[in-house]
């Protein structure tokens, strides 16, 4: 076990802490490296860490406690408790927040696009204002899975509104104190000092750097805890003292989207299988901290890895620890070998084309010399009539019908739809003029500028400057470009007179965010009302 953490056992290094439980027993705990590097304060099993998105399972647990109390139902419309949330024309249920099927844009991306930096002070009200300013969704509610921290920030607000208590007090009184989690708290005010807390670190150009995490936001993040307390939490999930077995089983239940596709995100847990065994797991990353909580419910086994440095991969560490303890009972690690088959060129040609996963994410499948190529460079080898694999990569590709590409990655599937392939001319200084100008986002209340500099197109705004680039010819769409920045992909749109009138920005966590081109001052806003102010806590 100690060998896994050897890189973080050197003097002057931050490090990690780990706990392992089997049923109702703590079978291992240890800590490595320093909680405070400058003062050589070592990490211990009771050192507290910021656990980032691992916090989500606690927020979900609070919702199910309130449902058990009869105070809410996860089928309720969120706006019943949070009327400040825009009415998008279809009910967003509490269940949609729990399973990330709401379509709400991610709060961190929105804040960053509006100019906030990771080192900035961010309070709960800052996050809520960004959520309430949304007037369009990434996708129709219920139509698909899309991970968004906004969902769990709203769930924390629902807990406050329904319970009449601050989220921190509710969690302390209903969860942490009854379970003896005396090291655990919700960081709703980063200025409050807590002894025994690990400070955040990360690599920099000159070596180790101190990170800043001045966040007073919670629900999606915000839990501060130790591996000792996480062991108590794991044992409660195994045999509940707070809540019931039915409550825990409800948390582990997954759902399906409107098309019947499985959504493998439960309520604060990602569900999967590892070496043949069912797992629930969640990892977390914030500046200076990484974390993972892994549980094998059938084996009544759990691992927590918490680190105060950005170097370790906590998921790999947690799985390696599971190998040590469960290696004799889990299925052997297997390598799937695909047997190549030969398909004729006419059959292969039916798969060639351009496929779009979401705006700005395209896949070009081309036929050359009797072979299919992905992105015109990676050869695809058939192992079935409609199935292909890449050499030296754990990814396969399927074409279930004439218009769909399914990319089977190790932990999830990605679906792209065929779009028309069109010839798009090169971007030149002459046609760049169409796009130049100032653009306003009502949701961000921010102006971005598109300008021509030394024969190239540039995007500038609160996030800084980014070059606007054109895809390779097989991946082009009309008026579509990309940036190597948080702005992601840009899809410009034209009016009836074929003048560029706006662009939509998409970066994965934010899809189709509209920026309206300014001509004579601010345009008439299409949004019906300004986002309301809100007080987060009762």
Protein backbone atom coordinates (compact mmCIF):
# COMPACT_ATOMS: atom_id res chain seq x y z
CA UNK A 1 0.00 0.00 0.00
CA UNK A 2 2.68 2.51 1.03
CA UNK A 3 4.45 1.97 -2.29
CA UNK A 4 1.47 3.51 -4.13
CA UNK A 5 2.05 6.79 -2.28
CA UNK A 6 5.84 6.82 -2.43
CA UNK A 7 6.02 9.94 -4.66
CA UNK A 8 4.34 11.95 -1.86
CA UNK A 9 6.51 10.77 1.00
CA UNK A 10 9.48 13.00 0.29
CA UNK A 11 10.38 15.90 2.63
CA UNK A 12 8.76 19.16 1.68
CA UNK A 13 6.00 17.52 -0.35
CA UNK A 14 2.23 17.79 0.06
CA UNK A 15 0.48 14.47 -0.12
CA UNK A 16 -2.56 12.31 0.52
CA UNK A 17 -4.53 10.42 3.11
CA UNK A 18 -6.39 7.15 2.62
CA UNK A 19 -8.92 5.03 4.48
CA UNK A 20 -10.33 1.58 3.69
CA UNK A 21 -13.44 0.04 5.19
CA UNK A 22 -14.84 -3.48 5.02
CA UNK A 23 -18.44 -3.73 6.22
CA UNK A 24 -18.46 -1.98 9.59
CA UNK A 25 -14.71 -2.04 10.17
CA UNK A 26 -11.94 0.40 9.40
CA UNK A 27 -9.28 -1.93 8.01
CA UNK A 28 -6.65 0.63 6.97
CA UNK A 29 -5.86 4.29 7.30
CA UNK A 30 -2.69 6.25 6.67
CA UNK A 31 -1.42 9.62 5.48
CA UNK A 32 1.55 10.82 3.45
CA UNK A 33 3.30 14.12 2.86
CA UNK A 34 2.55 17.46 4.49
CA UNK A 35 -0.66 19.32 5.20
CA UNK A 36 1.36 22.56 5.48
CA UNK A 37 4.57 22.30 3.52
CA UNK A 38 6.25 25.45 4.80
CA UNK A 39 5.86 24.44 8.44
CA UNK A 40 6.41 20.70 7.85
CA UNK A 41 3.01 19.83 9.36
CA UNK A 42 2.34 16.21 8.34
CA UNK A 43 -0.91 14.90 6.93
CA UNK A 44 -2.72 12.50 9.27
CA UNK A 45 -5.92 10.44 8.95
CA UNK A 46 -7.74 13.23 10.81
CA UNK A 47 -6.37 16.04 8.59
CA UNK A 48 -9.22 17.69 6.73
CA UNK A 49 -9.23 18.20 2.97
CA UNK A 50 -11.45 20.04 0.51
CA UNK A 51 -13.14 17.18 -1.39
CA UNK A 52 -14.61 19.16 -4.33
CA UNK A 53 -17.28 17.21 -6.24
CA UNK A 54 -17.20 14.24 -3.87
CA UNK A 55 -19.42 16.65 -1.90
CA UNK A 56 -22.34 15.94 -4.25
CA UNK A 57 -23.29 12.68 -2.56
CA UNK A 58 -23.84 14.51 0.74
CA UNK A 59 -26.10 17.05 -0.97
CA UNK A 60 -28.11 14.24 -2.56
CA UNK A 61 -28.36 12.49 0.81
CA UNK A 62 -29.85 15.65 2.32
CA UNK A 63 -32.52 15.74 -0.42
CA UNK A 64 -33.50 12.13 0.25
CA UNK A 65 -33.66 12.80 3.99
CA UNK A 66 -36.15 15.61 3.33
CA UNK A 67 -38.13 13.34 1.02
CA UNK A 68 -38.27 10.73 3.81
CA UNK A 69 -39.51 13.50 6.12
CA UNK A 70 -42.38 14.08 3.69
CA UNK A 71 -41.26 17.64 3.00
CA UNK A 72 -40.55 17.25 -0.71
CA UNK A 73 -40.58 14.75 -3.56
CA UNK A 74 -37.78 14.34 -6.08
CA UNK A 75 -40.54 14.51 -8.72
CA UNK A 76 -41.32 18.10 -7.68
CA UNK A 77 -40.65 20.98 -10.05
CA UNK A 78 -37.58 22.81 -8.75
CA UNK A 79 -39.35 26.14 -9.26
CA UNK A 80 -41.78 25.14 -6.48
CA UNK A 81 -38.91 25.94 -4.10
CA UNK A 82 -36.74 28.20 -6.29
CA UNK A 83 -39.07 30.45 -8.30
CA UNK A 84 -36.09 32.64 -9.25
CA UNK A 85 -35.03 29.93 -11.70
CA UNK A 86 -36.21 30.82 -15.19
CA UNK A 87 -39.23 28.99 -16.59
CA UNK A 88 -37.79 27.13 -19.57
CA UNK A 89 -41.17 25.87 -20.71
CA UNK A 90 -40.81 22.38 -19.27
CA UNK A 91 -40.61 21.29 -15.66
CA UNK A 92 -37.12 20.70 -14.27
CA UNK A 93 -37.63 18.17 -11.51
CA UNK A 94 -35.43 17.72 -8.47
CA UNK A 95 -34.66 14.31 -10.01
CA UNK A 96 -33.29 16.06 -13.10
CA UNK A 97 -30.86 17.95 -10.91
CA UNK A 98 -29.81 14.76 -9.09
CA UNK A 99 -29.13 12.88 -12.35
CA UNK A 100 -27.72 15.84 -14.36
CA UNK A 101 -30.51 15.69 -16.95
CA UNK A 102 -31.73 19.26 -16.38
CA UNK A 103 -29.85 20.86 -19.29
CA UNK A 104 -28.69 23.74 -17.07
CA UNK A 105 -25.35 25.25 -17.99
CA UNK A 106 -22.42 24.74 -15.66
CA UNK A 107 -21.85 27.48 -13.13
CA UNK A 108 -18.05 27.43 -13.26
CA UNK A 109 -17.94 27.81 -17.02
CA UNK A 110 -20.42 30.68 -16.86
CA UNK A 111 -18.45 32.47 -14.16
CA UNK A 112 -15.18 31.99 -16.05
CA UNK A 113 -16.70 33.25 -19.31
CA UNK A 114 -17.90 36.32 -17.40
CA UNK A 115 -14.33 36.99 -16.24
CA UNK A 116 -14.06 35.28 -12.86
CA UNK A 117 -10.75 33.51 -12.18
CA UNK A 118 -10.08 30.42 -10.09
CA UNK A 119 -8.25 32.60 -7.57
CA UNK A 120 -11.18 35.00 -7.15
CA UNK A 121 -13.44 35.08 -4.13
CA UNK A 122 -16.66 33.32 -5.08
CA UNK A 123 -19.69 33.27 -2.78
CA UNK A 124 -22.89 31.27 -3.04
CA UNK A 125 -24.82 34.32 -4.23
CA UNK A 126 -22.32 34.80 -7.08
CA UNK A 127 -23.02 31.29 -8.29
CA UNK A 128 -26.79 31.58 -7.90
CA UNK A 129 -26.88 34.81 -9.90
CA UNK A 130 -25.08 33.05 -12.76
CA UNK A 131 -27.59 30.19 -12.63
CA UNK A 132 -30.64 32.47 -12.48
CA UNK A 133 -29.37 34.53 -15.43
CA UNK A 134 -29.72 31.52 -17.74
CA UNK A 135 -32.50 31.86 -20.30
CA UNK A 136 -31.66 28.92 -22.54
CA UNK A 137 -30.65 25.35 -21.74
CA UNK A 138 -27.79 23.30 -23.11
CA UNK A 139 -30.39 20.74 -24.20
CA UNK A 140 -34.08 20.03 -23.52
CA UNK A 141 -34.61 18.82 -19.97
CA UNK A 142 -34.62 15.03 -19.78
CA UNK A 143 -33.29 14.48 -23.29
CA UNK A 144 -29.76 13.51 -22.23
CA UNK A 145 -27.12 13.54 -19.50
CA UNK A 146 -24.94 16.61 -19.11
CA UNK A 147 -22.81 17.05 -15.99
CA UNK A 148 -23.40 20.49 -14.48
CA UNK A 149 -22.36 21.78 -11.07
CA UNK A 150 -25.30 24.18 -11.22
CA UNK A 151 -27.62 21.26 -10.47
CA UNK A 152 -26.15 20.57 -7.06
CA UNK A 153 -25.85 24.22 -6.06
CA UNK A 154 -29.61 24.44 -6.66
CA UNK A 155 -30.18 21.27 -4.62
CA UNK A 156 -28.42 22.88 -1.65
CA UNK A 157 -30.72 25.89 -2.01
CA UNK A 158 -33.73 23.55 -2.03
CA UNK A 159 -32.46 22.00 1.22
CA UNK A 160 -32.25 25.47 2.77
CA UNK A 161 -35.66 26.58 1.58
CA UNK A 162 -37.42 23.38 2.67
CA UNK A 163 -35.63 22.89 6.01
CA UNK A 164 -35.57 26.55 7.03
CA UNK A 165 -31.91 26.16 8.00
CA UNK A 166 -28.61 27.01 6.40
CA UNK A 167 -27.17 24.11 4.44
CA UNK A 168 -24.20 23.95 6.80
CA UNK A 169 -26.41 23.68 9.88
CA UNK A 170 -28.72 21.11 8.30
CA UNK A 171 -25.80 18.89 7.32
CA UNK A 172 -24.18 19.24 10.74
CA UNK A 173 -27.34 18.41 12.69
CA UNK A 174 -28.82 15.74 10.45
CA UNK A 175 -25.72 13.99 9.08
CA UNK A 176 -22.28 14.89 10.41
CA UNK A 177 -22.94 15.01 14.15
CA UNK A 178 -25.12 11.87 14.32
CA UNK A 179 -22.42 9.92 12.46
CA UNK A 180 -19.60 11.24 14.65
CA UNK A 181 -18.02 13.04 11.69
CA UNK A 182 -16.47 15.63 14.00
CA UNK A 183 -13.83 16.70 11.47
CA UNK A 184 -16.39 17.59 8.78
CA UNK A 185 -18.01 20.89 7.87
CA UNK A 186 -19.47 22.85 4.95
CA UNK A 187 -17.29 25.73 3.81
CA UNK A 188 -19.87 28.50 3.45
CA UNK A 189 -17.36 31.14 4.56
CA UNK A 190 -13.76 30.54 3.51
CA UNK A 191 -12.52 33.17 5.98
CA UNK A 192 -13.33 31.00 9.01
CA UNK A 193 -10.22 29.27 10.35
CA UNK A 194 -10.19 25.52 11.04
CA UNK A 195 -7.24 23.81 12.66
CA UNK A 196 -5.82 20.65 11.14
CA UNK A 197 -6.72 21.58 7.56
CA UNK A 198 -4.49 20.69 4.62
CA UNK A 199 -3.45 23.64 2.46
CA UNK A 200 -3.69 23.35 -1.36
CA UNK A 201 -0.68 22.96 -3.66
CA UNK A 202 0.09 22.31 -7.30
CA UNK A 203 2.98 22.18 -9.76
CA UNK A 204 4.29 25.37 -11.34
CA UNK A 205 7.09 26.34 -13.70
CA UNK A 206 9.46 26.91 -10.80
CA UNK A 207 8.37 23.93 -8.72
CA UNK A 208 5.69 23.56 -6.10
CA UNK A 209 3.18 26.41 -5.81
CA UNK A 210 0.58 27.32 -3.23
CA UNK A 211 -2.95 27.39 -4.62
CA UNK A 212 -5.76 29.73 -3.59
CA UNK A 213 -9.31 28.48 -3.01
CA UNK A 214 -11.34 31.41 -1.64
CA UNK A 215 -14.73 29.77 -2.26
CA UNK A 216 -17.77 30.12 -0.03
CA UNK A 217 -20.02 28.00 -2.23
CA UNK A 218 -21.52 24.62 -1.54
CA UNK A 219 -23.82 21.88 -2.75
CA UNK A 220 -21.76 21.02 -5.83
CA UNK A 221 -18.61 21.30 -3.70
CA UNK A 222 -17.73 22.70 -0.28
CA UNK A 223 -17.46 19.67 2.04
CA UNK A 224 -14.27 19.63 4.09
CA UNK A 225 -13.53 16.29 5.74
CA UNK A 226 -10.95 13.69 6.73
CA UNK A 227 -10.44 10.11 5.63
CA UNK A 228 -11.42 9.01 9.14
CA UNK A 229 -14.79 10.72 8.75
CA UNK A 230 -15.20 9.38 5.22
CA UNK A 231 -14.78 5.90 6.68
CA UNK A 232 -17.70 6.65 9.01
CA UNK A 233 -19.70 7.85 6.00
CA UNK A 234 -18.86 4.66 4.06
CA UNK A 235 -20.04 2.52 6.96
CA UNK A 236 -23.31 4.45 7.07
CA UNK A 237 -23.87 3.71 3.39
CA UNK A 238 -23.17 0.05 4.13
CA UNK A 239 -25.47 -0.15 7.19
CA UNK A 240 -27.37 3.10 7.72
CA UNK A 241 -27.59 4.71 11.13
CA UNK A 242 -28.74 7.97 9.56
CA UNK A 243 -31.32 7.35 6.86
CA UNK A 244 -32.49 3.90 5.85
CA UNK A 245 -31.35 1.16 3.52
CA UNK A 246 -34.18 2.13 1.20
CA UNK A 247 -32.91 5.70 1.15
CA UNK A 248 -29.38 4.57 0.24
CA UNK A 249 -30.72 2.26 -2.47
CA UNK A 250 -32.73 5.16 -3.91
CA UNK A 251 -29.53 7.22 -4.06
CA UNK A 252 -27.79 4.45 -6.02
CA UNK A 253 -30.63 4.08 -8.53
CA UNK A 254 -29.97 5.30 -12.06
CA UNK A 255 -32.42 6.61 -14.66
CA UNK A 256 -32.99 6.84 -18.40
CA UNK A 257 -33.33 9.82 -20.67
CA UNK A 258 -36.38 10.55 -22.80
CA UNK A 259 -35.05 8.30 -25.58
CA UNK A 260 -34.61 5.37 -23.19
CA UNK A 261 -30.82 5.58 -23.01
CA UNK A 262 -29.27 4.68 -19.67
CA UNK A 263 -27.98 7.55 -17.53
CA UNK A 264 -25.36 5.99 -15.31
CA UNK A 265 -25.13 8.94 -12.94
CA UNK A 266 -27.24 8.19 -9.89
CA UNK A 267 -27.60 10.79 -7.09
CA UNK A 268 -24.11 12.01 -6.32
CA UNK A 269 -22.61 8.73 -7.54
CA UNK A 270 -21.29 7.50 -10.85
CA UNK A 271 -22.29 3.87 -11.32
CA UNK A 272 -20.01 1.48 -13.19
CA UNK A 273 -18.34 -1.91 -13.02
CA UNK A 274 -14.73 -2.67 -12.17
CA UNK A 275 -13.34 -6.13 -12.78
CA UNK A 276 -16.85 -7.49 -12.98
CA UNK A 277 -18.15 -5.90 -9.77
CA UNK A 278 -20.67 -3.06 -9.50
CA UNK A 279 -19.25 0.18 -8.12
CA UNK A 280 -20.44 3.58 -7.05
CA UNK A 281 -17.84 6.30 -7.18
CA UNK A 282 -17.22 10.02 -7.40
CA UNK A 283 -14.03 11.96 -7.85
CA UNK A 284 -13.35 15.65 -7.28
CA UNK A 285 -10.88 18.28 -8.43
CA UNK A 286 -10.47 21.90 -7.37
CA UNK A 287 -7.34 24.08 -7.26
CA UNK A 288 -4.85 22.30 -5.01
CA UNK A 289 -7.03 19.28 -4.18
CA UNK A 290 -8.03 15.96 -5.73
CA UNK A 291 -10.24 13.28 -4.17
CA UNK A 292 -11.99 10.00 -4.87
CA UNK A 293 -14.56 7.89 -3.05
CA UNK A 294 -15.01 4.33 -4.38
CA UNK A 295 -17.43 1.72 -3.05
CA UNK A 296 -18.18 -1.90 -3.98
CA UNK A 297 -21.62 -2.33 -2.38
CA UNK A 298 -21.86 -6.10 -2.90
CA UNK A 299 -18.47 -6.58 -1.26
CA UNK A 300 -19.23 -4.01 1.48
CA UNK A 301 -15.91 -2.39 0.68
CA UNK A 302 -14.97 1.29 0.30
CA UNK A 303 -11.85 3.40 -0.33
CA UNK A 304 -11.33 7.13 0.17
CA UNK A 305 -8.30 8.96 -1.24
CA UNK A 306 -7.90 12.67 -0.41
CA UNK A 307 -4.91 14.74 -1.55
CA UNK A 308 -3.79 18.35 -1.12
CA UNK A 309 -1.88 18.49 -4.39
CA UNK A 310 -2.91 18.33 -8.04
CA UNK A 311 -0.39 15.65 -9.02
CA UNK A 312 -1.96 12.32 -8.02
CA UNK A 313 -4.71 10.54 -9.95
CA UNK A 314 -7.04 9.60 -7.08
CA UNK A 315 -9.20 7.30 -9.24
CA UNK A 316 -6.22 5.18 -10.25
CA UNK A 317 -5.01 5.09 -6.64
CA UNK A 318 -8.43 4.02 -5.32
CA UNK A 319 -8.69 1.24 -7.90
CA UNK A 320 -5.15 0.07 -7.15
CA UNK A 321 -6.08 -0.16 -3.46
CA UNK A 322 -9.17 -2.16 -4.38
CA UNK A 323 -6.92 -4.53 -6.33
CA UNK A 324 -4.89 -5.12 -3.18
CA UNK A 325 -7.86 -5.97 -0.98
CA UNK A 326 -10.28 -7.53 -3.47
CA UNK A 327 -7.87 -8.92 -6.04
CA UNK A 328 -8.71 -12.50 -5.09
CA UNK A 329 -12.48 -12.11 -5.47
CA UNK A 330 -12.81 -9.72 -8.40
CA UNK A 331 -12.79 -10.99 -11.96
CA UNK A 332 -9.40 -10.96 -13.66
CA UNK A 333 -8.45 -7.90 -15.65
CA UNK A 334 -9.14 -8.73 -19.25
CA UNK A 335 -7.96 -7.27 -22.50
CA UNK A 336 -10.60 -7.41 -25.20
CA UNK A 337 -9.15 -8.62 -28.48
CA UNK A 338 -11.10 -7.79 -31.61
CA UNK A 339 -10.75 -10.13 -34.56
CA UNK A 340 -10.45 -8.09 -37.77
CA UNK A 341 -12.85 -8.75 -40.63
CA UNK A 342 -12.69 -7.54 -44.21
CA UNK A 343 -15.52 -5.37 -45.57
CA UNK A 344 -15.90 -4.29 -49.19
CA UNK A 345 -15.38 -0.68 -50.19
CA UNK A 346 -19.05 -0.12 -51.06
CA UNK A 347 -20.11 -1.13 -47.56
CA UNK A 348 -17.40 1.04 -45.99
CA UNK A 349 -18.45 4.03 -48.10
CA UNK A 350 -21.88 4.01 -46.45
CA UNK A 351 -20.23 5.09 -43.18
CA UNK A 352 -18.16 7.95 -44.62
CA UNK A 353 -19.32 11.42 -43.73
CA UNK A 354 -19.26 14.12 -41.08
CA UNK A 355 -20.86 13.52 -37.68
CA UNK A 356 -21.59 16.10 -34.99
CA UNK A 357 -21.72 15.28 -31.27
CA UNK A 358 -22.54 18.84 -30.26
CA UNK A 359 -21.66 22.27 -31.65
CA UNK A 360 -17.95 22.42 -32.36
CA UNK A 361 -17.33 18.69 -31.82
CA UNK A 362 -17.23 16.98 -35.20
CA UNK A 363 -15.96 13.62 -36.42
CA UNK A 364 -14.97 13.14 -40.04
CA UNK A 365 -15.04 9.57 -41.36
CA UNK A 366 -13.31 9.31 -44.72
CA UNK A 367 -12.65 6.43 -47.12
CA UNK A 368 -9.17 6.19 -48.61
CA UNK A 369 -7.45 3.26 -50.31
CA UNK A 370 -10.15 0.85 -49.17
CA UNK A 371 -9.94 1.88 -45.50
CA UNK A 372 -11.94 4.12 -43.21
CA UNK A 373 -10.12 6.88 -41.36
CA UNK A 374 -11.24 8.90 -38.35
CA UNK A 375 -10.41 12.62 -38.61
CA UNK A 376 -8.63 11.70 -41.86
CA UNK A 377 -5.66 10.28 -39.95
CA UNK A 378 -6.51 7.28 -37.68
CA UNK A 379 -7.23 4.03 -39.51
CA UNK A 380 -10.34 2.12 -38.40
CA UNK A 381 -10.25 -1.68 -38.47
CA UNK A 382 -13.55 -3.57 -38.76
CA UNK A 383 -14.42 -6.37 -36.35
CA UNK A 384 -18.06 -6.61 -37.40
CA UNK A 385 -20.44 -5.42 -40.06
CA UNK A 386 -20.85 -2.03 -38.34
CA UNK A 387 -18.14 -2.05 -35.66
CA UNK A 388 -14.56 -0.80 -35.78
CA UNK A 389 -11.60 -0.36 -33.46
CA UNK A 390 -8.49 1.77 -33.27
CA UNK A 391 -5.11 0.12 -32.87
CA UNK A 392 -3.48 0.84 -29.49
CA UNK A 393 -6.51 2.69 -28.07
CA UNK A 394 -9.33 1.38 -25.81
CA UNK A 395 -12.00 2.93 -28.04
CA UNK A 396 -14.41 1.32 -30.51
CA UNK A 397 -16.79 2.86 -33.03
CA UNK A 398 -20.21 1.69 -34.10
CA UNK A 399 -22.53 2.77 -36.90
CA UNK A 400 -25.91 1.40 -35.76
CA UNK A 401 -27.78 3.06 -38.62
CA UNK A 402 -27.03 5.27 -41.58
CA UNK A 403 -26.94 8.50 -39.59
CA UNK A 404 -25.38 7.72 -36.20
CA UNK A 405 -21.84 7.25 -34.91
CA UNK A 406 -21.45 5.79 -31.43
CA UNK A 407 -18.03 6.11 -29.80
CA UNK A 408 -17.59 3.50 -27.08
CA UNK A 409 -15.06 4.88 -24.57
CA UNK A 410 -14.01 2.90 -21.47
CA UNK A 411 -16.42 4.68 -19.11
CA UNK A 412 -19.21 5.98 -21.35
CA UNK A 413 -20.60 6.22 -24.87
CA UNK A 414 -20.63 9.31 -27.03
CA UNK A 415 -23.24 9.75 -29.77
CA UNK A 416 -22.80 11.86 -32.91
CA UNK A 417 -25.29 12.42 -35.72
CA UNK A 418 -24.52 12.71 -39.41
CA UNK A 419 -24.65 16.23 -40.81
CA UNK A 420 -24.37 17.38 -44.43
CA UNK A 421 -20.83 17.60 -45.71
CA UNK A 422 -20.27 20.92 -47.43
CA UNK A 423 -17.28 22.65 -48.98
CA UNK A 424 -16.31 25.63 -46.83
CA UNK A 425 -13.72 28.08 -48.19
CA UNK A 426 -10.61 29.04 -46.31
CA UNK A 427 -10.85 31.93 -43.89
CA UNK A 428 -9.13 34.94 -45.46
CA UNK A 429 -8.61 38.57 -44.40
CA UNK A 430 -11.38 39.52 -46.83
CA UNK A 431 -14.11 37.27 -45.42
CA UNK A 432 -12.94 37.88 -41.86
CA UNK A 433 -14.62 41.27 -42.13
CA UNK A 434 -18.00 39.54 -41.89
CA UNK A 435 -17.29 38.44 -38.33
CA UNK A 436 -15.50 41.45 -36.87
CA UNK A 437 -17.42 43.46 -34.29
CA UNK A 438 -18.64 43.61 -30.70
CA UNK A 439 -21.03 40.98 -29.36
CA UNK A 440 -23.12 41.08 -26.19
CA UNK A 441 -24.26 38.14 -24.03
CA UNK A 442 -27.36 39.00 -21.97
CA UNK A 443 -26.82 35.91 -19.80
CA UNK A 444 -23.26 36.91 -18.92
CA UNK A 445 -23.90 40.66 -19.14
CA UNK A 446 -20.57 40.79 -20.97
CA UNK A 447 -19.22 42.07 -24.28
CA UNK A 448 -16.81 40.07 -26.44
CA UNK A 449 -14.98 41.52 -29.42
CA UNK A 450 -14.00 39.78 -32.64
CA UNK A 451 -11.18 41.63 -34.37
CA UNK A 452 -8.69 41.18 -37.20
CA UNK A 453 -5.07 41.40 -36.07
CA UNK A 454 -2.21 40.93 -38.50
CA UNK A 455 -4.32 38.87 -40.85
CA UNK A 456 -5.81 36.62 -38.18
CA UNK A 457 -9.13 36.59 -36.34
CA UNK A 458 -9.11 37.07 -32.57
CA UNK A 459 -11.73 36.84 -29.84
CA UNK A 460 -11.27 39.02 -26.78
CA UNK A 461 -13.38 39.51 -23.69
CA UNK A 462 -13.45 38.94 -19.94
CA UNK A 463 -11.61 35.62 -20.30
CA UNK A 464 -8.73 37.24 -22.22
CA UNK A 465 -7.66 36.85 -25.85
CA UNK A 466 -7.93 33.76 -28.04
CA UNK A 467 -7.12 33.12 -31.68
CA UNK A 468 -10.15 32.11 -33.77
CA UNK A 469 -9.18 29.17 -35.98
CA UNK A 470 -10.74 27.15 -38.75
CA UNK A 471 -10.96 23.36 -38.72
CA UNK A 472 -9.31 21.16 -41.33
CA UNK A 473 -11.40 20.94 -44.51
CA UNK A 474 -13.22 17.63 -43.68
CA UNK A 475 -14.41 19.07 -40.34
CA UNK A 476 -15.66 22.46 -41.47
CA UNK A 477 -19.15 23.87 -41.20
CA UNK A 478 -20.25 27.23 -42.61
CA UNK A 479 -19.45 30.13 -40.27
CA UNK A 480 -18.06 27.73 -37.64
CA UNK A 481 -14.69 28.16 -35.92
CA UNK A 482 -12.89 27.12 -32.76
CA UNK A 483 -10.57 28.58 -30.15
CA UNK A 484 -8.03 26.84 -27.95
CA UNK A 485 -9.55 28.45 -24.88
CA UNK A 486 -12.53 28.20 -22.57
CA UNK A 487 -14.58 29.88 -25.30
CA UNK A 488 -14.43 26.60 -27.21
CA UNK A 489 -16.34 26.60 -30.50
CA UNK A 490 -18.03 29.58 -32.15
CA UNK A 491 -20.95 29.22 -34.55
CA UNK A 492 -21.78 32.51 -36.23
CA UNK A 493 -25.32 33.07 -37.48
CA UNK A 494 -26.65 35.35 -40.22
CA UNK A 495 -29.87 37.33 -40.57
CA UNK A 496 -32.22 37.46 -43.56
CA UNK A 497 -29.85 39.86 -45.31
CA UNK A 498 -26.97 37.39 -44.82
CA UNK A 499 -25.22 39.72 -42.38
CA UNK A 500 -23.59 38.10 -39.35
CA UNK A 501 -25.95 38.92 -36.48
CA UNK A 502 -24.74 36.79 -33.56
CA UNK A 503 -22.64 33.83 -32.53
CA UNK A 504 -23.25 30.87 -30.24
CA UNK A 505 -20.45 29.70 -27.95
CA UNK A 506 -20.10 26.03 -26.95
CA UNK A 507 -17.42 24.46 -24.77
CA UNK A 508 -18.98 21.22 -23.53
CA UNK A 509 -20.32 22.48 -20.20
CA UNK A 510 -21.98 25.45 -21.96
CA UNK A 511 -23.73 24.84 -25.28
CA UNK A 512 -25.17 27.49 -27.60
CA UNK A 513 -24.61 30.55 -25.40
CA UNK A 514 -25.81 33.48 -27.53
CA UNK A 515 -23.84 36.66 -28.19
CA UNK A 516 -25.76 39.31 -30.17
CA UNK A 517 -23.81 41.58 -32.50
CA UNK A 518 -23.92 45.24 -31.49
CA UNK A 519 -24.53 47.82 -34.18
CA UNK A 520 -25.90 51.00 -32.63
CA UNK A 521 -25.41 50.42 -28.95
CA UNK A 522 -27.00 47.58 -27.00
CA UNK A 523 -29.62 45.60 -28.92
CA UNK A 524 -33.16 45.01 -27.81
CA UNK A 525 -32.75 42.17 -25.32
CA UNK A 526 -34.67 39.05 -26.22
CA UNK A 527 -34.76 37.97 -22.59
CA UNK A 528 -37.95 38.80 -20.77
CA UNK A 529 -36.62 39.79 -17.40
CA UNK A 530 -33.46 40.43 -15.46
CA UNK A 531 -32.26 37.71 -13.09
CA UNK A 532 -33.57 38.35 -9.58
CA UNK A 533 -31.41 38.86 -6.58
CA UNK A 534 -31.53 36.09 -4.04
CA UNK A 535 -30.33 35.41 -0.57
CA UNK A 536 -28.87 31.92 -0.48
CA UNK A 537 -29.49 31.02 3.15
CA UNK A 538 -32.54 31.47 5.37
